C-alpha atoms as a PDB file:
ATOM      1  CA  MET A   1     -72.898  40.500  68.703  1.00  0.00           C
ATOM      2  CA  GLU A   2     -70.064  38.895  66.716  1.00  0.00           C
ATOM      3  CA  LEU A   3     -71.727  39.948  63.432  1.00  0.00           C
ATOM      4  CA  LEU A   4     -72.264  43.454  64.808  1.00  0.00           C
ATOM      5  CA  LYS A   5     -68.615  43.709  65.806  1.00  0.00           C
ATOM      6  CA  LYS A   6     -67.479  42.551  62.369  1.00  0.00           C
ATOM      7  CA  LEU A   7     -69.772  45.059  60.610  1.00  0.00           C
ATOM      8  CA  ARG A   8     -68.419  47.895  62.740  1.00  0.00           C
ATOM      9  CA  GLU A   9     -64.830  46.918  61.947  1.00  0.00           C
ATOM     10  CA  MET A  10     -65.516  46.635  58.214  1.00  0.00           C
ATOM     11  CA  SER A  11     -67.634  49.771  57.814  1.00  0.00           C
ATOM     12  CA  GLY A  12     -66.379  52.166  60.486  1.00  0.00           C
ATOM     13  CA  ALA A  13     -70.039  53.010  61.239  1.00  0.00           C
ATOM     14  CA  GLY A  14     -71.540  53.459  64.707  1.00  0.00           C
ATOM     15  CA  MET A  15     -73.116  50.741  66.837  1.00  0.00           C
ATOM     16  CA  LEU A  16     -76.726  51.874  66.360  1.00  0.00           C
ATOM     17  CA  ASP A  17     -76.388  52.324  62.585  1.00  0.00           C
ATOM     18  CA  CYS A  18     -74.812  48.876  62.284  1.00  0.00           C
ATOM     19  CA  LYS A  19     -77.555  47.302  64.386  1.00  0.00           C
ATOM     20  CA  LYS A  20     -80.279  48.856  62.224  1.00  0.00           C
ATOM     21  CA  ALA A  21     -78.513  47.791  59.015  1.00  0.00           C
ATOM     22  CA  LEU A  22     -78.243  44.190  60.235  1.00  0.00           C
ATOM     23  CA  GLU A  23     -81.919  44.141  61.187  1.00  0.00           C
ATOM     24  CA  GLU A  24     -82.889  45.583  57.801  1.00  0.00           C
ATOM     25  CA  SER A  25     -80.706  43.092  55.917  1.00  0.00           C
ATOM     26  CA  GLY A  26     -81.792  40.044  57.900  1.00  0.00           C
ATOM     27  CA  ASN A  27     -78.261  39.707  59.353  1.00  0.00           C
ATOM     28  CA  ASN A  28     -76.695  39.577  55.879  1.00  0.00           C
ATOM     29  CA  LEU A  29     -73.270  41.219  56.278  1.00  0.00           C
ATOM     30  CA  GLU A  30     -72.820  42.150  52.616  1.00  0.00           C
ATOM     31  CA  LYS A  31     -76.306  43.667  52.339  1.00  0.00           C
ATOM     32  CA  ALA A  32     -75.814  45.523  55.629  1.00  0.00           C
ATOM     33  CA  ILE A  33     -72.647  47.167  54.289  1.00  0.00           C
ATOM     34  CA  GLU A  34     -74.526  48.129  51.126  1.00  0.00           C
ATOM     35  CA  ILE A  35     -77.318  49.695  53.212  1.00  0.00           C
ATOM     36  CA  LEU A  36     -74.809  51.737  55.231  1.00  0.00           C
ATOM     37  CA  ARG A  37     -72.989  52.884  52.103  1.00  0.00           C
ATOM     38  CA  LYS A  38     -76.240  53.953  50.424  1.00  0.00           C
ATOM     39  CA  LYS A  39     -77.050  56.018  53.502  1.00  0.00           C
ATOM     40  CA  GLY A  40     -73.608  57.608  53.235  1.00  0.00           C
ATOM     41  CA  ILE A  41     -72.683  56.248  56.679  1.00  0.00           C
ATOM     42  CA  ALA A  42     -69.925  53.920  55.514  1.00  0.00           C
ATOM     43  CA  LYS A  43     -67.194  54.117  52.912  1.00  0.00           C
ATOM     44  CA  ALA A  44     -66.145  51.069  50.892  1.00  0.00           C
ATOM     45  CA  ALA A  45     -65.855  48.189  53.335  1.00  0.00           C
ATOM     46  CA  LYS A  46     -62.512  47.071  54.638  1.00  0.00           C
ATOM     47  CA  ARG A  47     -61.557  43.697  53.292  1.00  0.00           C
ATOM     48  CA  GLU A  48     -62.894  40.864  55.383  1.00  0.00           C
ATOM     49  CA  GLY A  49     -59.870  38.679  54.610  1.00  0.00           C
ATOM     50  CA  ARG A  50     -57.619  40.264  57.217  1.00  0.00           C
ATOM     51  CA  GLU A  51     -57.472  37.566  59.859  1.00  0.00           C
ATOM     52  CA  ALA A  52     -55.526  37.944  63.100  1.00  0.00           C
ATOM     53  CA  ASN A  53     -53.557  34.729  62.628  1.00  0.00           C
ATOM     54  CA  GLU A  54     -50.078  34.304  64.017  1.00  0.00           C
ATOM     55  CA  GLY A  55     -47.406  32.426  62.133  1.00  0.00           C
ATOM     56  CA  VAL A  56     -44.933  33.041  59.356  1.00  0.00           C
ATOM     57  CA  ILE A  57     -44.989  33.574  55.591  1.00  0.00           C
ATOM     58  CA  LEU A  58     -41.982  32.150  53.770  1.00  0.00           C
ATOM     59  CA  LEU A  59     -41.118  32.748  50.131  1.00  0.00           C
ATOM     60  CA  GLU A  60     -38.349  31.749  47.746  1.00  0.00           C
ATOM     61  CA  VAL A  61     -37.531  32.228  44.055  1.00  0.00           C
ATOM     62  CA  ASN A  62     -35.578  29.591  42.124  1.00  0.00           C
ATOM     63  CA  ALA A  63     -32.047  30.180  40.791  1.00  0.00           C
ATOM     64  CA  GLN A  64     -33.344  30.785  37.261  1.00  0.00           C
ATOM     65  CA  GLY A  65     -35.638  33.551  38.540  1.00  0.00           C
ATOM     66  CA  ASN A  66     -38.656  32.186  36.687  1.00  0.00           C
ATOM     67  CA  GLU A  67     -40.562  30.427  39.483  1.00  0.00           C
ATOM     68  CA  GLY A  68     -41.477  31.464  43.017  1.00  0.00           C
ATOM     69  CA  TYR A  69     -42.899  29.625  46.019  1.00  0.00           C
ATOM     70  CA  MET A  70     -44.748  30.952  49.077  1.00  0.00           C
ATOM     71  CA  VAL A  71     -46.404  29.344  52.094  1.00  0.00           C
ATOM     72  CA  GLU A  72     -48.267  30.591  55.163  1.00  0.00           C
ATOM     73  CA  VAL A  73     -47.852  28.373  58.230  1.00  0.00           C
ATOM     74  CA  ASN A  74     -49.989  29.353  61.224  1.00  0.00           C
ATOM     75  CA  ALA A  75     -49.847  28.999  64.991  1.00  0.00           C
ATOM     76  CA  GLU A  76     -52.076  30.375  67.743  1.00  0.00           C
ATOM     77  CA  THR A  77     -49.558  32.721  69.364  1.00  0.00           C
ATOM     78  CA  ASP A  78     -46.653  34.884  68.284  1.00  0.00           C
ATOM     79  CA  PHE A  79     -44.512  33.155  70.925  1.00  0.00           C
ATOM     80  CA  VAL A  80     -44.844  29.814  69.111  1.00  0.00           C
ATOM     81  CA  ALA A  81     -44.526  31.499  65.697  1.00  0.00           C
ATOM     82  CA  ARG A  82     -40.988  32.551  66.735  1.00  0.00           C
ATOM     83  CA  ASN A  83     -40.122  29.096  68.099  1.00  0.00           C
ATOM     84  CA  GLU A  84     -37.136  27.469  66.345  1.00  0.00           C
ATOM     85  CA  LYS A  85     -38.956  24.154  65.893  1.00  0.00           C
ATOM     86  CA  PHE A  86     -41.943  25.912  64.321  1.00  0.00           C
ATOM     87  CA  LEU A  87     -39.725  27.910  61.943  1.00  0.00           C
ATOM     88  CA  SER A  88     -37.768  24.766  61.058  1.00  0.00           C
ATOM     89  CA  LEU A  89     -41.051  23.016  60.215  1.00  0.00           C
ATOM     90  CA  ALA A  90     -42.066  25.920  57.978  1.00  0.00           C
ATOM     91  CA  GLU A  91     -38.743  25.688  56.126  1.00  0.00           C
ATOM     92  CA  LYS A  92     -39.224  21.941  55.607  1.00  0.00           C
ATOM     93  CA  VAL A  93     -42.710  22.534  54.204  1.00  0.00           C
ATOM     94  CA  MET A  94     -41.235  25.100  51.815  1.00  0.00           C
ATOM     95  CA  GLN A  95     -38.764  22.499  50.545  1.00  0.00           C
ATOM     96  CA  VAL A  96     -41.638  20.083  49.907  1.00  0.00           C
ATOM     97  CA  ILE A  97     -43.432  22.758  47.874  1.00  0.00           C
ATOM     98  CA  LYS A  98     -40.285  23.470  45.832  1.00  0.00           C
ATOM     99  CA  THR A  99     -39.569  19.821  45.025  1.00  0.00           C
ATOM    100  CA  ALA A 100     -43.017  18.189  44.851  1.00  0.00           C
ATOM    101  CA  LYS A 101     -44.860  21.244  43.441  1.00  0.00           C
ATOM    102  CA  PRO A 102     -48.280  20.190  44.757  1.00  0.00           C
ATOM    103  CA  THR A 103     -51.327  21.587  42.967  1.00  0.00           C
ATOM    104  CA  ASN A 104     -53.553  22.040  46.021  1.00  0.00           C
ATOM    105  CA  LEU A 105     -53.433  22.074  49.821  1.00  0.00           C
ATOM    106  CA  ASP A 106     -54.683  18.505  50.275  1.00  0.00           C
ATOM    107  CA  ILE A 107     -51.886  17.183  48.069  1.00  0.00           C
ATOM    108  CA  LEU A 108     -49.330  19.252  50.003  1.00  0.00           C
ATOM    109  CA  LEU A 109     -50.579  17.943  53.355  1.00  0.00           C
ATOM    110  CA  SER A 110     -50.424  14.363  52.048  1.00  0.00           C
ATOM    111  CA  SER A 111     -46.890  14.797  50.650  1.00  0.00           C
ATOM    112  CA  PRO A 112     -44.019  12.827  52.276  1.00  0.00           C
ATOM    113  CA  LEU A 113     -41.999  14.571  54.993  1.00  0.00           C
ATOM    114  CA  GLU A 114     -39.548  12.896  57.406  1.00  0.00           C
ATOM    115  CA  ASN A 115     -40.838   9.301  57.110  1.00  0.00           C
ATOM    116  CA  SER A 116     -44.362  10.625  57.487  1.00  0.00           C
ATOM    117  CA  THR A 117     -46.570  13.207  55.766  1.00  0.00           C
ATOM    118  CA  VAL A 118     -46.685  16.990  56.053  1.00  0.00           C
ATOM    119  CA  ARG A 119     -50.022  16.761  57.882  1.00  0.00           C
ATOM    120  CA  GLU A 120     -48.779  14.188  60.408  1.00  0.00           C
ATOM    121  CA  THR A 121     -45.535  16.106  61.018  1.00  0.00           C
ATOM    122  CA  ILE A 122     -47.506  19.272  61.765  1.00  0.00           C
ATOM    123  CA  ASP A 123     -49.885  17.373  64.065  1.00  0.00           C
ATOM    124  CA  GLU A 124     -46.960  15.811  65.930  1.00  0.00           C
ATOM    125  CA  LEU A 125     -45.272  19.175  66.584  1.00  0.00           C
ATOM    126  CA  SER A 126     -48.642  20.665  67.506  1.00  0.00           C
ATOM    127  CA  GLY A 127     -49.106  17.949  70.138  1.00  0.00           C
ATOM    128  CA  THR A 128     -45.578  18.440  71.461  1.00  0.00           C
ATOM    129  CA  ILE A 129     -45.884  22.216  71.817  1.00  0.00           C
ATOM    130  CA  GLY A 130     -49.535  22.122  72.838  1.00  0.00           C
ATOM    131  CA  GLU A 131     -50.795  24.641  70.316  1.00  0.00           C
ATOM    132  CA  LYS A 132     -52.852  24.254  67.149  1.00  0.00           C
ATOM    133  CA  MET A 133     -50.842  24.679  63.931  1.00  0.00           C
ATOM    134  CA  GLY A 134     -51.644  24.452  60.252  1.00  0.00           C
ATOM    135  CA  ILE A 135     -50.941  25.553  56.709  1.00  0.00           C
ATOM    136  CA  LYS A 136     -53.461  28.127  55.561  1.00  0.00           C
ATOM    137  CA  GLN A 137     -52.304  28.545  51.961  1.00  0.00           C
ATOM    138  CA  PHE A 138     -49.421  28.246  49.545  1.00  0.00           C
ATOM    139  CA  ALA A 139     -48.653  29.455  46.019  1.00  0.00           C
ATOM    140  CA  ILE A 140     -46.387  28.666  43.091  1.00  0.00           C
ATOM    141  CA  VAL A 141     -45.959  31.486  40.572  1.00  0.00           C
ATOM    142  CA  SER A 142     -44.128  31.247  37.258  1.00  0.00           C
ATOM    143  CA  GLY A 143     -43.184  33.623  34.427  1.00  0.00           C
ATOM    144  CA  ALA A 144     -40.239  34.981  32.443  1.00  0.00           C
ATOM    145  CA  THR A 145     -39.213  36.947  35.553  1.00  0.00           C
ATOM    146  CA  VAL A 146     -40.454  36.205  39.076  1.00  0.00           C
ATOM    147  CA  ALA A 147     -39.643  38.234  42.193  1.00  0.00           C
ATOM    148  CA  GLY A 148     -40.695  38.070  45.814  1.00  0.00           C
ATOM    149  CA  TYR A 149     -40.948  40.584  48.643  1.00  0.00           C
ATOM    150  CA  SER A 150     -41.190  39.844  52.358  1.00  0.00           C
ATOM    151  CA  HIS A 151     -42.266  42.554  54.805  1.00  0.00           C
ATOM    152  CA  LEU A 152     -42.457  42.871  58.599  1.00  0.00           C
ATOM    153  CA  GLY A 153     -40.379  39.755  59.219  1.00  0.00           C
ATOM    154  CA  GLY A 154     -42.666  37.407  57.344  1.00  0.00           C
ATOM    155  CA  LYS A 155     -46.005  39.038  58.191  1.00  0.00           C
ATOM    156  CA  ILE A 156     -46.598  39.947  54.528  1.00  0.00           C
ATOM    157  CA  GLY A 157     -45.312  38.044  51.496  1.00  0.00           C
ATOM    158  CA  VAL A 158     -45.672  38.765  47.782  1.00  0.00           C
ATOM    159  CA  LEU A 159     -44.797  36.909  44.597  1.00  0.00           C
ATOM    160  CA  VAL A 160     -45.220  38.502  41.159  1.00  0.00           C
ATOM    161  CA  ALA A 161     -44.498  37.283  37.618  1.00  0.00           C
ATOM    162  CA  LEU A 162     -43.764  39.296  34.454  1.00  0.00           C
ATOM    163  CA  ASP A 163     -43.764  38.084  30.848  1.00  0.00           C
ATOM    164  CA  VAL A 164     -40.326  39.574  30.029  1.00  0.00           C
ATOM    165  CA  ALA A 165     -37.043  37.985  31.149  1.00  0.00           C
ATOM    166  CA  LYS A 166     -34.287  39.725  33.140  1.00  0.00           C
ATOM    167  CA  LYS A 167     -36.575  42.355  34.679  1.00  0.00           C
ATOM    168  CA  ASN A 168     -35.529  41.600  38.254  1.00  0.00           C
ATOM    169  CA  GLU A 169     -35.435  45.152  39.603  1.00  0.00           C
ATOM    170  CA  LEU A 170     -38.748  46.114  37.988  1.00  0.00           C
ATOM    171  CA  THR A 171     -40.444  42.930  39.211  1.00  0.00           C
ATOM    172  CA  ALA A 172     -39.100  43.470  42.734  1.00  0.00           C
ATOM    173  CA  ASP A 173     -40.457  47.039  42.714  1.00  0.00           C
ATOM    174  CA  ILE A 174     -43.881  45.773  41.692  1.00  0.00           C
ATOM    175  CA  ALA A 175     -43.777  43.143  44.454  1.00  0.00           C
ATOM    176  CA  MET A 176     -43.083  45.941  46.944  1.00  0.00           C
ATOM    177  CA  GLN A 177     -45.986  47.923  45.457  1.00  0.00           C
ATOM    178  CA  ILE A 178     -48.353  44.988  45.972  1.00  0.00           C
ATOM    179  CA  ALA A 179     -47.195  44.544  49.569  1.00  0.00           C
ATOM    180  CA  ALA A 180     -47.907  48.214  50.292  1.00  0.00           C
ATOM    181  CA  THR A 181     -51.207  48.698  48.429  1.00  0.00           C
ATOM    182  CA  ASN A 182     -52.874  45.248  48.447  1.00  0.00           C
ATOM    183  CA  PRO A 183     -54.640  45.455  45.055  1.00  0.00           C
ATOM    184  CA  LEU A 184     -57.512  43.119  44.220  1.00  0.00           C
ATOM    185  CA  TYR A 185     -56.900  42.955  40.482  1.00  0.00           C
ATOM    186  CA  ILE A 186     -54.116  43.508  37.944  1.00  0.00           C
ATOM    187  CA  ASN A 187     -56.208  45.641  35.560  1.00  0.00           C
ATOM    188  CA  PRO A 188     -59.799  46.930  35.264  1.00  0.00           C
ATOM    189  CA  SER A 189     -60.794  44.292  32.690  1.00  0.00           C
ATOM    190  CA  GLU A 190     -60.612  41.655  35.462  1.00  0.00           C
ATOM    191  CA  ILE A 191     -63.300  43.348  37.554  1.00  0.00           C
ATOM    192  CA  PRO A 192     -66.705  41.625  37.183  1.00  0.00           C
ATOM    193  CA  THR A 193     -69.355  43.870  35.589  1.00  0.00           C
ATOM    194  CA  THR A 194     -71.626  43.196  38.564  1.00  0.00           C
ATOM    195  CA  VAL A 195     -69.052  44.741  40.923  1.00  0.00           C
ATOM    196  CA  ILE A 196     -68.789  47.935  38.863  1.00  0.00           C
ATOM    197  CA  GLU A 197     -72.578  48.203  38.487  1.00  0.00           C
ATOM    198  CA  LYS A 198     -73.013  47.784  42.245  1.00  0.00           C
ATOM    199  CA  GLU A 199     -70.481  50.583  42.887  1.00  0.00           C
ATOM    200  CA  LYS A 200     -72.399  52.837  40.473  1.00  0.00           C
ATOM    201  CA  GLU A 201     -75.702  51.976  42.138  1.00  0.00           C
ATOM    202  CA  ILE A 202     -74.398  52.794  45.605  1.00  0.00           C
ATOM    203  CA  GLU A 203     -72.713  56.044  44.570  1.00  0.00           C
ATOM    204  CA  THR A 204     -75.790  57.125  42.561  1.00  0.00           C
ATOM    205  CA  GLU A 205     -78.050  56.688  45.578  1.00  0.00           C
ATOM    206  CA  VAL A 206     -75.681  58.679  47.801  1.00  0.00           C
ATOM    207  CA  LEU A 207     -75.378  61.514  45.254  1.00  0.00           C
ATOM    208  CA  THR A 208     -79.153  61.559  44.663  1.00  0.00           C
ATOM    209  CA  LYS A 209     -79.764  61.978  48.392  1.00  0.00           C
ATOM    210  CA  GLU A 210     -77.306  64.873  48.331  1.00  0.00           C
ATOM    211  CA  GLY A 211     -79.573  66.547  45.752  1.00  0.00           C
ATOM    212  CA  LYS A 212     -77.253  66.280  42.769  1.00  0.00           C
ATOM    213  CA  PRO A 213     -79.025  66.447  39.354  1.00  0.00           C
ATOM    214  CA  ALA A 214     -78.846  63.407  37.061  1.00  0.00           C
ATOM    215  CA  ALA A 215     -76.517  65.055  34.523  1.00  0.00           C
ATOM    216  CA  VAL A 216     -74.043  65.964  37.267  1.00  0.00           C
ATOM    217  CA  ILE A 217     -74.258  62.488  38.813  1.00  0.00           C
ATOM    218  CA  GLU A 218     -73.228  60.894  35.493  1.00  0.00           C
ATOM    219  CA  LYS A 219     -70.075  63.022  35.380  1.00  0.00           C
ATOM    220  CA  ILE A 220     -69.234  62.390  39.037  1.00  0.00           C
ATOM    221  CA  LEU A 221     -69.683  58.630  38.544  1.00  0.00           C
ATOM    222  CA  VAL A 222     -66.921  58.583  35.925  1.00  0.00           C
ATOM    223  CA  GLY A 223     -64.497  59.981  38.494  1.00  0.00           C
ATOM    224  CA  LYS A 224     -65.776  57.638  41.208  1.00  0.00           C
ATOM    225  CA  ILE A 225     -65.249  54.529  39.063  1.00  0.00           C
ATOM    226  CA  ASN A 226     -61.807  55.717  37.977  1.00  0.00           C
ATOM    227  CA  LYS A 227     -60.975  56.147  41.662  1.00  0.00           C
ATOM    228  CA  TYR A 228     -62.196  52.601  42.317  1.00  0.00           C
ATOM    229  CA  PHE A 229     -59.815  51.394  39.597  1.00  0.00           C
ATOM    230  CA  GLU A 230     -56.928  53.308  41.189  1.00  0.00           C
ATOM    231  CA  ASN A 231     -57.629  51.805  44.598  1.00  0.00           C
ATOM    232  CA  ASN A 232     -58.118  48.224  43.450  1.00  0.00           C
ATOM    233  CA  CYS A 233     -56.238  47.676  40.163  1.00  0.00           C
ATOM    234  CA  LEU A 234     -52.472  47.300  40.308  1.00  0.00           C
ATOM    235  CA  ILE A 235     -51.613  48.927  36.969  1.00  0.00           C
ATOM    236  CA  LYS A 236     -53.810  51.972  37.721  1.00  0.00           C
ATOM    237  CA  GLN A 237     -52.145  52.735  41.054  1.00  0.00           C
ATOM    238  CA  GLU A 238     -49.605  55.468  41.631  1.00  0.00           C
ATOM    239  CA  PHE A 239     -46.135  53.947  41.709  1.00  0.00           C
ATOM    240  CA  ILE A 240     -44.911  54.028  45.328  1.00  0.00           C
ATOM    241  CA  LYS A 241     -41.399  55.138  44.311  1.00  0.00           C
ATOM    242  CA  ASP A 242     -42.640  57.922  42.015  1.00  0.00           C
ATOM    243  CA  ASP A 243     -46.238  59.095  42.476  1.00  0.00           C
ATOM    244  CA  SER A 244     -46.087  61.123  39.268  1.00  0.00           C
ATOM    245  CA  ARG A 245     -46.361  57.846  37.343  1.00  0.00           C
ATOM    246  CA  LYS A 246     -48.795  54.934  37.358  1.00  0.00           C
ATOM    247  CA  VAL A 247     -47.616  51.336  37.590  1.00  0.00           C
ATOM    248  CA  GLU A 248     -48.660  50.773  33.971  1.00  0.00           C
ATOM    249  CA  GLN A 249     -46.232  53.529  32.940  1.00  0.00           C
ATOM    250  CA  ILE A 250     -43.206  51.911  34.587  1.00  0.00           C
ATOM    251  CA  LEU A 251     -43.801  48.514  32.962  1.00  0.00           C
ATOM    252  CA  ASP A 252     -42.187  49.684  29.703  1.00  0.00           C
ATOM    253  CA  GLY A 253     -44.027  47.139  27.563  1.00  0.00           C
ATOM    254  CA  ALA A 254     -43.844  44.265  30.055  1.00  0.00           C
ATOM    255  CA  LYS A 255     -47.017  42.567  31.258  1.00  0.00           C
ATOM    256  CA  ILE A 256     -47.854  41.432  34.780  1.00  0.00           C
ATOM    257  CA  LEU A 257     -48.908  37.800  34.437  1.00  0.00           C
ATOM    258  CA  SER A 258     -49.981  37.122  38.016  1.00  0.00           C
ATOM    259  CA  PHE A 259     -49.341  37.926  41.657  1.00  0.00           C
ATOM    260  CA  LYS A 260     -49.998  36.448  45.083  1.00  0.00           C
ATOM    261  CA  ARG A 261     -50.080  38.366  48.351  1.00  0.00           C
ATOM    262  CA  PHE A 262     -50.345  36.658  51.753  1.00  0.00           C
ATOM    263  CA  SER A 263     -50.783  38.642  54.966  1.00  0.00           C
ATOM    264  CA  LEU A 264     -50.934  37.823  58.671  1.00  0.00           C
ATOM    265  CA  GLU A 265     -52.265  41.294  59.503  1.00  0.00           C
END
């Protein structure tokens, strides 16, 4: 039932169609989505990574504007996520990230904090408040210009780095773009060939069932793949402040080095 519920949420398909797809796929979620899409029942699946965690996402950029830090600290309820002690803990963890610059989560959790470690400090507050807490993820981003964007009071956080210095306004605009559109990649060259081929396979089967001739399908596929790029690649998206231009057109020669987007949605 849990798998069925998840498939319905991701695909938007009906209960019976989802049940049949799971049976046909041997309860393989990814294959079930593919089956539904090939039948034309489901559109591209919603991203599975949207977890209903409570907590806060904090981000900071250093004074030089060339390095940014972001952390997601979780709690079980929104009530605790707004608790002063919880927010104070999150701020202290951020300071550890800024000064120690850990390279992975285990190192962060083992880092010193208040005569103890980050892990032990979290566990102690968790025991005091009576609610499970933890750090889900953190990021350190660097480049010639780094900007951050926080949305919905810390429910969404973005860091982005450009390869050109003193591009603060442009970098901030791109951070806002990422918060709004949630791209998977920076540009099409990052997309694995297997992903593109799978999209073509699915769309071809749908168009074939609609009775489209092969020559027409080839032309339609070009548009379908370009649309996939627009939906999933940052530089191919319409710029949110001016939809007559793509993000790649507003970069003016600058290059997006990397980005991180955390979300509690």
